[in-house]
mmCIF file of all heavy atoms, coordinates in Angstrom:
data_MODEL
# 
_entry.id   MODEL 
# 
loop_
_atom_site.group_PDB 
_atom_site.id 
_atom_site.type_symbol 
_atom_site.label_atom_id 
_atom_site.label_alt_id 
_atom_site.label_comp_id 
_atom_site.label_asym_id 
_atom_site.label_entity_id 
_atom_site.label_seq_id 
_atom_site.pdbx_PDB_ins_code 
_atom_site.Cartn_x 
_atom_site.Cartn_y 
_atom_site.Cartn_z 
_atom_site.occupancy 
_atom_site.B_iso_or_equiv 
_atom_site.pdbx_formal_charge 
_atom_site.auth_seq_id 
_atom_site.auth_comp_id 
_atom_site.auth_asym_id 
_atom_site.auth_atom_id 
_atom_site.pdbx_PDB_model_num 
ATOM 1   N N   . PRO A 1 1  ? -0.136 -4.101  -17.584 1.00 0.00 ? 1  PRO A N   1 
ATOM 2   C CA  . PRO A 1 1  ? -1.282 -4.943  -17.211 1.00 0.00 ? 1  PRO A CA  1 
ATOM 3   C C   . PRO A 1 1  ? -0.927 -6.140  -16.341 1.00 0.00 ? 1  PRO A C   1 
ATOM 4   O O   . PRO A 1 1  ? -1.715 -6.544  -15.486 1.00 0.00 ? 1  PRO A O   1 
ATOM 5   C CB  . PRO A 1 1  ? -1.832 -5.395  -18.581 1.00 0.00 ? 1  PRO A CB  1 
ATOM 6   C CG  . PRO A 1 1  ? -1.385 -4.356  -19.526 1.00 0.00 ? 1  PRO A CG  1 
ATOM 7   C CD  . PRO A 1 1  ? -0.018 -3.945  -19.046 1.00 0.00 ? 1  PRO A CD  1 
ATOM 8   N N   . LEU A 1 2  ? 0.263  -6.726  -16.552 1.00 0.00 ? 2  LEU A N   1 
ATOM 9   C CA  . LEU A 1 2  ? 0.640  -7.909  -15.775 1.00 0.00 ? 2  LEU A CA  1 
ATOM 10  C C   . LEU A 1 2  ? 1.137  -7.553  -14.383 1.00 0.00 ? 2  LEU A C   1 
ATOM 11  O O   . LEU A 1 2  ? 0.989  -8.347  -13.450 1.00 0.00 ? 2  LEU A O   1 
ATOM 12  C CB  . LEU A 1 2  ? 1.711  -8.702  -16.529 1.00 0.00 ? 2  LEU A CB  1 
ATOM 13  C CG  . LEU A 1 2  ? 1.255  -9.359  -17.833 1.00 0.00 ? 2  LEU A CG  1 
ATOM 14  C CD1 . LEU A 1 2  ? 2.401  -10.081 -18.503 1.00 0.00 ? 2  LEU A CD1 1 
ATOM 15  C CD2 . LEU A 1 2  ? 0.091  -10.314 -17.585 1.00 0.00 ? 2  LEU A CD2 1 
ATOM 16  N N   . VAL A 1 3  ? 1.733  -6.381  -14.219 1.00 0.00 ? 3  VAL A N   1 
ATOM 17  C CA  . VAL A 1 3  ? 2.269  -5.977  -12.912 1.00 0.00 ? 3  VAL A CA  1 
ATOM 18  C C   . VAL A 1 3  ? 1.232  -5.217  -12.102 1.00 0.00 ? 3  VAL A C   1 
ATOM 19  O O   . VAL A 1 3  ? 1.322  -5.166  -10.874 1.00 0.00 ? 3  VAL A O   1 
ATOM 20  C CB  . VAL A 1 3  ? 3.541  -5.122  -13.121 1.00 0.00 ? 3  VAL A CB  1 
ATOM 21  C CG1 . VAL A 1 3  ? 4.130  -4.679  -11.797 1.00 0.00 ? 3  VAL A CG1 1 
ATOM 22  C CG2 . VAL A 1 3  ? 4.576  -5.917  -13.904 1.00 0.00 ? 3  VAL A CG2 1 
ATOM 23  N N   . TRP A 1 4  ? 0.227  -4.643  -12.760 1.00 0.00 ? 4  TRP A N   1 
ATOM 24  C CA  . TRP A 1 4  ? -0.725 -3.772  -12.086 1.00 0.00 ? 4  TRP A CA  1 
ATOM 25  C C   . TRP A 1 4  ? -1.445 -4.433  -10.906 1.00 0.00 ? 4  TRP A C   1 
ATOM 26  O O   . TRP A 1 4  ? -1.562 -3.830  -9.827  1.00 0.00 ? 4  TRP A O   1 
ATOM 27  C CB  . TRP A 1 4  ? -1.721 -3.244  -13.115 1.00 0.00 ? 4  TRP A CB  1 
ATOM 28  C CG  . TRP A 1 4  ? -2.699 -2.249  -12.582 1.00 0.00 ? 4  TRP A CG  1 
ATOM 29  C CD1 . TRP A 1 4  ? -4.046 -2.391  -12.448 1.00 0.00 ? 4  TRP A CD1 1 
ATOM 30  C CD2 . TRP A 1 4  ? -2.400 -0.931  -12.103 1.00 0.00 ? 4  TRP A CD2 1 
ATOM 31  N NE1 . TRP A 1 4  ? -4.608 -1.260  -11.931 1.00 0.00 ? 4  TRP A NE1 1 
ATOM 32  C CE2 . TRP A 1 4  ? -3.624 -0.343  -11.709 1.00 0.00 ? 4  TRP A CE2 1 
ATOM 33  C CE3 . TRP A 1 4  ? -1.223 -0.211  -11.973 1.00 0.00 ? 4  TRP A CE3 1 
ATOM 34  C CZ2 . TRP A 1 4  ? -3.690 0.946   -11.184 1.00 0.00 ? 4  TRP A CZ2 1 
ATOM 35  C CZ3 . TRP A 1 4  ? -1.279 1.081   -11.456 1.00 0.00 ? 4  TRP A CZ3 1 
ATOM 36  C CH2 . TRP A 1 4  ? -2.503 1.647   -11.064 1.00 0.00 ? 4  TRP A CH2 1 
ATOM 37  N N   . PRO A 1 5  ? -1.973 -5.666  -11.005 1.00 0.00 ? 5  PRO A N   1 
ATOM 38  C CA  . PRO A 1 5  ? -2.639 -6.269  -9.835  1.00 0.00 ? 5  PRO A CA  1 
ATOM 39  C C   . PRO A 1 5  ? -1.722 -6.417  -8.629  1.00 0.00 ? 5  PRO A C   1 
ATOM 40  O O   . PRO A 1 5  ? -2.127 -6.163  -7.494  1.00 0.00 ? 5  PRO A O   1 
ATOM 41  C CB  . PRO A 1 5  ? -3.103 -7.636  -10.368 1.00 0.00 ? 5  PRO A CB  1 
ATOM 42  C CG  . PRO A 1 5  ? -3.203 -7.459  -11.829 1.00 0.00 ? 5  PRO A CG  1 
ATOM 43  C CD  . PRO A 1 5  ? -2.089 -6.532  -12.193 1.00 0.00 ? 5  PRO A CD  1 
ATOM 44  N N   . LEU A 1 6  ? -0.487 -6.831  -8.856  1.00 0.00 ? 6  LEU A N   1 
ATOM 45  C CA  . LEU A 1 6  ? 0.466  -6.962  -7.763  1.00 0.00 ? 6  LEU A CA  1 
ATOM 46  C C   . LEU A 1 6  ? 0.804  -5.602  -7.166  1.00 0.00 ? 6  LEU A C   1 
ATOM 47  O O   . LEU A 1 6  ? 0.967  -5.460  -5.950  1.00 0.00 ? 6  LEU A O   1 
ATOM 48  C CB  . LEU A 1 6  ? 1.734  -7.655  -8.255  1.00 0.00 ? 6  LEU A CB  1 
ATOM 49  C CG  . LEU A 1 6  ? 2.712  -8.169  -7.188  1.00 0.00 ? 6  LEU A CG  1 
ATOM 50  C CD1 . LEU A 1 6  ? 2.035  -9.205  -6.309  1.00 0.00 ? 6  LEU A CD1 1 
ATOM 51  C CD2 . LEU A 1 6  ? 3.950  -8.740  -7.831  1.00 0.00 ? 6  LEU A CD2 1 
ATOM 52  N N   . LEU A 1 7  ? 0.876  -4.593  -8.018  1.00 0.00 ? 7  LEU A N   1 
ATOM 53  C CA  . LEU A 1 7  ? 1.160  -3.239  -7.545  1.00 0.00 ? 7  LEU A CA  1 
ATOM 54  C C   . LEU A 1 7  ? 0.009  -2.706  -6.698  1.00 0.00 ? 7  LEU A C   1 
ATOM 55  O O   . LEU A 1 7  ? 0.231  -1.986  -5.711  1.00 0.00 ? 7  LEU A O   1 
ATOM 56  C CB  . LEU A 1 7  ? 1.416  -2.330  -8.741  1.00 0.00 ? 7  LEU A CB  1 
ATOM 57  C CG  . LEU A 1 7  ? 2.177  -1.032  -8.485  1.00 0.00 ? 7  LEU A CG  1 
ATOM 58  C CD1 . LEU A 1 7  ? 3.575  -1.332  -7.973  1.00 0.00 ? 7  LEU A CD1 1 
ATOM 59  C CD2 . LEU A 1 7  ? 2.257  -0.206  -9.755  1.00 0.00 ? 7  LEU A CD2 1 
ATOM 60  N N   . LEU A 1 8  ? -1.208 -3.049  -7.036  1.00 0.00 ? 8  LEU A N   1 
ATOM 61  C CA  . LEU A 1 8  ? -2.360 -2.607  -6.257  1.00 0.00 ? 8  LEU A CA  1 
ATOM 62  C C   . LEU A 1 8  ? -2.365 -3.226  -4.858  1.00 0.00 ? 8  LEU A C   1 
ATOM 63  O O   . LEU A 1 8  ? -2.801 -2.588  -3.900  1.00 0.00 ? 8  LEU A O   1 
ATOM 64  C CB  . LEU A 1 8  ? -3.651 -2.970  -6.998  1.00 0.00 ? 8  LEU A CB  1 
ATOM 65  C CG  . LEU A 1 8  ? -3.950 -2.159  -8.263  1.00 0.00 ? 8  LEU A CG  1 
ATOM 66  C CD1 . LEU A 1 8  ? -5.232 -2.655  -8.905  1.00 0.00 ? 8  LEU A CD1 1 
ATOM 67  C CD2 . LEU A 1 8  ? -4.059 -0.677  -7.939  1.00 0.00 ? 8  LEU A CD2 1 
ATOM 68  N N   . ILE A 1 9  ? -1.884 -4.456  -4.736  1.00 0.00 ? 9  ILE A N   1 
ATOM 69  C CA  . ILE A 1 9  ? -1.782 -5.074  -3.411  1.00 0.00 ? 9  ILE A CA  1 
ATOM 70  C C   . ILE A 1 9  ? -0.767 -4.328  -2.551  1.00 0.00 ? 9  ILE A C   1 
ATOM 71  O O   . ILE A 1 9  ? -0.987 -4.082  -1.364  1.00 0.00 ? 9  ILE A O   1 
ATOM 72  C CB  . ILE A 1 9  ? -1.406 -6.561  -3.558  1.00 0.00 ? 9  ILE A CB  1 
ATOM 73  C CG1 . ILE A 1 9  ? -2.522 -7.319  -4.275  1.00 0.00 ? 9  ILE A CG1 1 
ATOM 74  C CG2 . ILE A 1 9  ? -1.132 -7.188  -2.197  1.00 0.00 ? 9  ILE A CG2 1 
ATOM 75  C CD1 . ILE A 1 9  ? -2.210 -8.769  -4.541  1.00 0.00 ? 9  ILE A CD1 1 
ATOM 76  N N   . ALA A 1 10 ? 0.363  -3.951  -3.156  1.00 0.00 ? 10 ALA A N   1 
ATOM 77  C CA  . ALA A 1 10 ? 1.361  -3.170  -2.421  1.00 0.00 ? 10 ALA A CA  1 
ATOM 78  C C   . ALA A 1 10 ? 0.793  -1.823  -1.995  1.00 0.00 ? 10 ALA A C   1 
ATOM 79  O O   . ALA A 1 10 ? 1.055  -1.337  -0.883  1.00 0.00 ? 10 ALA A O   1 
ATOM 80  C CB  . ALA A 1 10 ? 2.602  -2.969  -3.289  1.00 0.00 ? 10 ALA A CB  1 
ATOM 81  N N   . VAL A 1 11 ? -0.013 -1.194  -2.857  1.00 0.00 ? 11 VAL A N   1 
ATOM 82  C CA  . VAL A 1 11 ? -0.654 0.080   -2.519  1.00 0.00 ? 11 VAL A CA  1 
ATOM 83  C C   . VAL A 1 11 ? -1.593 -0.100  -1.334  1.00 0.00 ? 11 VAL A C   1 
ATOM 84  O O   . VAL A 1 11 ? -1.674 0.765   -0.449  1.00 0.00 ? 11 VAL A O   1 
ATOM 85  C CB  . VAL A 1 11 ? -1.399 0.632   -3.745  1.00 0.00 ? 11 VAL A CB  1 
ATOM 86  C CG1 . VAL A 1 11 ? -2.287 1.805   -3.363  1.00 0.00 ? 11 VAL A CG1 1 
ATOM 87  C CG2 . VAL A 1 11 ? -0.407 1.067   -4.811  1.00 0.00 ? 11 VAL A CG2 1 
ATOM 88  N N   . LEU A 1 12 ? -2.302 -1.213  -1.286  1.00 0.00 ? 12 LEU A N   1 
ATOM 89  C CA  . LEU A 1 12 ? -3.212 -1.479  -0.165  1.00 0.00 ? 12 LEU A CA  1 
ATOM 90  C C   . LEU A 1 12 ? -2.452 -1.550  1.151   1.00 0.00 ? 12 LEU A C   1 
ATOM 91  O O   . LEU A 1 12 ? -2.848 -0.920  2.148   1.00 0.00 ? 12 LEU A O   1 
ATOM 92  C CB  . LEU A 1 12 ? -3.958 -2.793  -0.418  1.00 0.00 ? 12 LEU A CB  1 
ATOM 93  C CG  . LEU A 1 12 ? -4.847 -3.294  0.735   1.00 0.00 ? 12 LEU A CG  1 
ATOM 94  C CD1 . LEU A 1 12 ? -5.968 -2.305  1.007   1.00 0.00 ? 12 LEU A CD1 1 
ATOM 95  C CD2 . LEU A 1 12 ? -5.414 -4.677  0.415   1.00 0.00 ? 12 LEU A CD2 1 
ATOM 96  N N   . PHE A 1 13 ? -1.361 -2.300  1.183   1.00 0.00 ? 13 PHE A N   1 
ATOM 97  C CA  . PHE A 1 13 ? -0.568 -2.419  2.404   1.00 0.00 ? 13 PHE A CA  1 
ATOM 98  C C   . PHE A 1 13 ? -0.016 -1.063  2.849   1.00 0.00 ? 13 PHE A C   1 
ATOM 99  O O   . PHE A 1 13 ? -0.039 -0.710  4.023   1.00 0.00 ? 13 PHE A O   1 
ATOM 100 C CB  . PHE A 1 13 ? 0.572  -3.419  2.211   1.00 0.00 ? 13 PHE A CB  1 
ATOM 101 C CG  . PHE A 1 13 ? 0.113  -4.851  2.177   1.00 0.00 ? 13 PHE A CG  1 
ATOM 102 C CD1 . PHE A 1 13 ? 0.530  -5.704  1.162   1.00 0.00 ? 13 PHE A CD1 1 
ATOM 103 C CD2 . PHE A 1 13 ? -0.728 -5.354  3.142   1.00 0.00 ? 13 PHE A CD2 1 
ATOM 104 C CE1 . PHE A 1 13 ? 0.109  -7.028  1.123   1.00 0.00 ? 13 PHE A CE1 1 
ATOM 105 C CE2 . PHE A 1 13 ? -1.156 -6.667  3.112   1.00 0.00 ? 13 PHE A CE2 1 
ATOM 106 C CZ  . PHE A 1 13 ? -0.737 -7.503  2.097   1.00 0.00 ? 13 PHE A CZ  1 
ATOM 107 N N   . ARG A 1 14 ? 0.495  -0.297  1.883   1.00 0.00 ? 14 ARG A N   1 
ATOM 108 C CA  . ARG A 1 14 ? 1.076  0.996   2.221   1.00 0.00 ? 14 ARG A CA  1 
ATOM 109 C C   . ARG A 1 14 ? 0.014  1.983   2.687   1.00 0.00 ? 14 ARG A C   1 
ATOM 110 O O   . ARG A 1 14 ? 0.269  2.813   3.552   1.00 0.00 ? 14 ARG A O   1 
ATOM 111 C CB  . ARG A 1 14 ? 1.827  1.567   1.022   1.00 0.00 ? 14 ARG A CB  1 
ATOM 112 C CG  . ARG A 1 14 ? 3.186  0.999   0.817   1.00 0.00 ? 14 ARG A CG  1 
ATOM 113 C CD  . ARG A 1 14 ? 4.067  1.127   2.048   1.00 0.00 ? 14 ARG A CD  1 
ATOM 114 N NE  . ARG A 1 14 ? 4.100  2.492   2.543   1.00 0.00 ? 14 ARG A NE  1 
ATOM 115 C CZ  . ARG A 1 14 ? 4.053  2.806   3.830   1.00 0.00 ? 14 ARG A CZ  1 
ATOM 116 N NH1 . ARG A 1 14 ? 3.964  1.883   4.756   1.00 0.00 ? 14 ARG A NH1 1 
ATOM 117 N NH2 . ARG A 1 14 ? 4.114  4.060   4.200   1.00 0.00 ? 14 ARG A NH2 1 
ATOM 118 N N   . ALA A 1 15 ? -1.173 1.927   2.102   1.00 0.00 ? 15 ALA A N   1 
ATOM 119 C CA  . ALA A 1 15 ? -2.240 2.836   2.518   1.00 0.00 ? 15 ALA A CA  1 
ATOM 120 C C   . ALA A 1 15 ? -2.672 2.542   3.949   1.00 0.00 ? 15 ALA A C   1 
ATOM 121 O O   . ALA A 1 15 ? -2.912 3.475   4.733   1.00 0.00 ? 15 ALA A O   1 
ATOM 122 C CB  . ALA A 1 15 ? -3.427 2.719   1.562   1.00 0.00 ? 15 ALA A CB  1 
ATOM 123 N N   . ILE A 1 16 ? -2.749 1.274   4.304   1.00 0.00 ? 16 ILE A N   1 
ATOM 124 C CA  . ILE A 1 16 ? -3.120 0.922   5.681   1.00 0.00 ? 16 ILE A CA  1 
ATOM 125 C C   . ILE A 1 16 ? -2.064 1.392   6.665   1.00 0.00 ? 16 ILE A C   1 
ATOM 126 O O   . ILE A 1 16 ? -2.369 1.951   7.732   1.00 0.00 ? 16 ILE A O   1 
ATOM 127 C CB  . ILE A 1 16 ? -3.356 -0.599  5.788   1.00 0.00 ? 16 ILE A CB  1 
ATOM 128 C CG1 . ILE A 1 16 ? -4.574 -1.011  4.971   1.00 0.00 ? 16 ILE A CG1 1 
ATOM 129 C CG2 . ILE A 1 16 ? -3.530 -1.016  7.238   1.00 0.00 ? 16 ILE A CG2 1 
ATOM 130 C CD1 . ILE A 1 16 ? -4.798 -2.513  4.915   1.00 0.00 ? 16 ILE A CD1 1 
ATOM 131 N N   . GLU A 1 17 ? -0.794 1.181   6.328   1.00 0.00 ? 17 GLU A N   1 
ATOM 132 C CA  . GLU A 1 17 ? 0.285  1.620   7.208   1.00 0.00 ? 17 GLU A CA  1 
ATOM 133 C C   . GLU A 1 17 ? 0.321  3.147   7.329   1.00 0.00 ? 17 GLU A C   1 
ATOM 134 O O   . GLU A 1 17 ? 0.542  3.692   8.405   1.00 0.00 ? 17 GLU A O   1 
ATOM 135 C CB  . GLU A 1 17 ? 1.623  1.102   6.671   1.00 0.00 ? 17 GLU A CB  1 
ATOM 136 C CG  . GLU A 1 17 ? 1.816  -0.385  6.829   1.00 0.00 ? 17 GLU A CG  1 
ATOM 137 C CD  . GLU A 1 17 ? 1.916  -0.805  8.289   1.00 0.00 ? 17 GLU A CD  1 
ATOM 138 O OE1 . GLU A 1 17 ? 2.461  -0.031  9.097   1.00 0.00 ? 17 GLU A OE1 1 
ATOM 139 O OE2 . GLU A 1 17 ? 1.437  -1.893  8.617   1.00 0.00 ? 17 GLU A OE2 1 
ATOM 140 N N   . ALA A 1 18 ? 0.124  3.854   6.215   1.00 0.00 ? 18 ALA A N   1 
ATOM 141 C CA  . ALA A 1 18 ? 0.148  5.316   6.248   1.00 0.00 ? 18 ALA A CA  1 
ATOM 142 C C   . ALA A 1 18 ? -1.041 5.870   7.023   1.00 0.00 ? 18 ALA A C   1 
ATOM 143 O O   . ALA A 1 18 ? -0.933 6.914   7.678   1.00 0.00 ? 18 ALA A O   1 
ATOM 144 C CB  . ALA A 1 18 ? 0.155  5.877   4.826   1.00 0.00 ? 18 ALA A CB  1 
ATOM 145 N N   . PHE A 1 19 ? -2.179 5.177   6.970   1.00 0.00 ? 19 PHE A N   1 
ATOM 146 C CA  . PHE A 1 19 ? -3.372 5.648   7.675   1.00 0.00 ? 19 PHE A CA  1 
ATOM 147 C C   . PHE A 1 19 ? -3.160 5.663   9.186   1.00 0.00 ? 19 PHE A C   1 
ATOM 148 O O   . PHE A 1 19 ? -3.697 6.535   9.882   1.00 0.00 ? 19 PHE A O   1 
ATOM 149 C CB  . PHE A 1 19 ? -4.565 4.759   7.313   1.00 0.00 ? 19 PHE A CB  1 
ATOM 150 C CG  . PHE A 1 19 ? -5.846 5.148   7.988   1.00 0.00 ? 19 PHE A CG  1 
ATOM 151 C CD1 . PHE A 1 19 ? -6.549 6.261   7.557   1.00 0.00 ? 19 PHE A CD1 1 
ATOM 152 C CD2 . PHE A 1 19 ? -6.343 4.407   9.043   1.00 0.00 ? 19 PHE A CD2 1 
ATOM 153 C CE1 . PHE A 1 19 ? -7.738 6.628   8.177   1.00 0.00 ? 19 PHE A CE1 1 
ATOM 154 C CE2 . PHE A 1 19 ? -7.519 4.756   9.665   1.00 0.00 ? 19 PHE A CE2 1 
ATOM 155 C CZ  . PHE A 1 19 ? -8.224 5.866   9.234   1.00 0.00 ? 19 PHE A CZ  1 
ATOM 156 N N   . ARG A 1 20 ? -2.395 4.728   9.701   1.00 0.00 ? 20 ARG A N   1 
ATOM 157 C CA  . ARG A 1 20 ? -2.157 4.680   11.141  1.00 0.00 ? 20 ARG A CA  1 
ATOM 158 C C   . ARG A 1 20 ? -0.762 5.179   11.529  1.00 0.00 ? 20 ARG A C   1 
ATOM 159 O O   . ARG A 1 20 ? -0.185 4.744   12.523  1.00 0.00 ? 20 ARG A O   1 
ATOM 160 C CB  . ARG A 1 20 ? -2.373 3.264   11.668  1.00 0.00 ? 20 ARG A CB  1 
ATOM 161 C CG  . ARG A 1 20 ? -1.524 2.203   11.026  1.00 0.00 ? 20 ARG A CG  1 
ATOM 162 C CD  . ARG A 1 20 ? -1.969 0.808   11.431  1.00 0.00 ? 20 ARG A CD  1 
ATOM 163 N NE  . ARG A 1 20 ? -1.073 -0.225  10.974  1.00 0.00 ? 20 ARG A NE  1 
ATOM 164 C CZ  . ARG A 1 20 ? -0.047 -0.688  11.675  1.00 0.00 ? 20 ARG A CZ  1 
ATOM 165 N NH1 . ARG A 1 20 ? 0.220  -0.178  12.864  1.00 0.00 ? 20 ARG A NH1 1 
ATOM 166 N NH2 . ARG A 1 20 ? 0.716  -1.646  11.212  1.00 0.00 ? 20 ARG A NH2 1 
ATOM 167 N N   . LEU A 1 21 ? -0.265 6.141   10.759  1.00 0.00 ? 21 LEU A N   1 
ATOM 168 C CA  . LEU A 1 21 ? 1.059  6.714   11.032  1.00 0.00 ? 21 LEU A CA  1 
ATOM 169 C C   . LEU A 1 21 ? 1.090  7.393   12.398  1.00 0.00 ? 21 LEU A C   1 
ATOM 170 O O   . LEU A 1 21 ? 0.201  8.166   12.742  1.00 0.00 ? 21 LEU A O   1 
ATOM 171 C CB  . LEU A 1 21 ? 1.408  7.737   9.956   1.00 0.00 ? 21 LEU A CB  1 
ATOM 172 C CG  . LEU A 1 21 ? 2.710  8.506   10.183  1.00 0.00 ? 21 LEU A CG  1 
ATOM 173 C CD1 . LEU A 1 21 ? 3.907  7.629   9.859   1.00 0.00 ? 21 LEU A CD1 1 
ATOM 174 C CD2 . LEU A 1 21 ? 2.734  9.772   9.350   1.00 0.00 ? 21 LEU A CD2 1 
ATOM 175 N N   . PHE A 1 22 ? 2.140  7.121   13.167  1.00 0.00 ? 22 PHE A N   1 
ATOM 176 C CA  . PHE A 1 22 ? 2.304  7.771   14.461  1.00 0.00 ? 22 PHE A CA  1 
ATOM 177 C C   . PHE A 1 22 ? 3.751  8.153   14.739  1.00 0.00 ? 22 PHE A C   1 
ATOM 178 O O   . PHE A 1 22 ? 4.052  9.268   15.151  1.00 0.00 ? 22 PHE A O   1 
ATOM 179 C CB  . PHE A 1 22 ? 1.796  6.852   15.581  1.00 0.00 ? 22 PHE A CB  1 
ATOM 180 C CG  . PHE A 1 22 ? 2.130  7.358   16.958  1.00 0.00 ? 22 PHE A CG  1 
ATOM 181 C CD1 . PHE A 1 22 ? 1.388  8.376   17.533  1.00 0.00 ? 22 PHE A CD1 1 
ATOM 182 C CD2 . PHE A 1 22 ? 3.202  6.828   17.669  1.00 0.00 ? 22 PHE A CD2 1 
ATOM 183 C CE1 . PHE A 1 22 ? 1.693  8.856   18.794  1.00 0.00 ? 22 PHE A CE1 1 
ATOM 184 C CE2 . PHE A 1 22 ? 3.516  7.311   18.926  1.00 0.00 ? 22 PHE A CE2 1 
ATOM 185 C CZ  . PHE A 1 22 ? 2.765  8.322   19.496  1.00 0.00 ? 22 PHE A CZ  1 
ATOM 186 N N   . ASP A 1 23 ? 4.675  7.223   14.515  1.00 0.00 ? 23 ASP A N   1 
ATOM 187 C CA  . ASP A 1 23 ? 6.057  7.392   14.979  1.00 0.00 ? 23 ASP A CA  1 
ATOM 188 C C   . ASP A 1 23 ? 6.750  8.578   14.323  1.00 0.00 ? 23 ASP A C   1 
ATOM 189 O O   . ASP A 1 23 ? 7.413  9.371   15.000  1.00 0.00 ? 23 ASP A O   1 
ATOM 190 C CB  . ASP A 1 23 ? 6.865  6.104   14.771  1.00 0.00 ? 23 ASP A CB  1 
ATOM 191 C CG  . ASP A 1 23 ? 6.446  5.373   13.514  1.00 0.00 ? 23 ASP A CG  1 
ATOM 192 O OD1 . ASP A 1 23 ? 6.027  6.054   12.546  1.00 0.00 ? 23 ASP A OD1 1 
ATOM 193 O OD2 . ASP A 1 23 ? 6.510  4.140   13.488  1.00 0.00 ? 23 ASP A OD2 1 
ATOM 194 N N   . LEU A 1 24 ? 6.615  8.725   13.005  1.00 0.00 ? 24 LEU A N   1 
ATOM 195 C CA  . LEU A 1 24 ? 7.287  9.843   12.332  1.00 0.00 ? 24 LEU A CA  1 
ATOM 196 C C   . LEU A 1 24 ? 6.723  11.181  12.782  1.00 0.00 ? 24 LEU A C   1 
ATOM 197 O O   . LEU A 1 24 ? 7.463  12.159  12.938  1.00 0.00 ? 24 LEU A O   1 
ATOM 198 C CB  . LEU A 1 24 ? 7.159  9.701   10.815  1.00 0.00 ? 24 LEU A CB  1 
ATOM 199 C CG  . LEU A 1 24 ? 8.031  8.639   10.141  1.00 0.00 ? 24 LEU A CG  1 
ATOM 200 C CD1 . LEU A 1 24 ? 7.816  8.655   8.635   1.00 0.00 ? 24 LEU A CD1 1 
ATOM 201 C CD2 . LEU A 1 24 ? 9.509  8.857   10.466  1.00 0.00 ? 24 LEU A CD2 1 
# 
């Protein structure tokens, strides 16, 4: 419960980066 909010922020950043994937 204490780490989950911070983990969700990391998921948000990664989802945005993965959505605009091009180089790989």
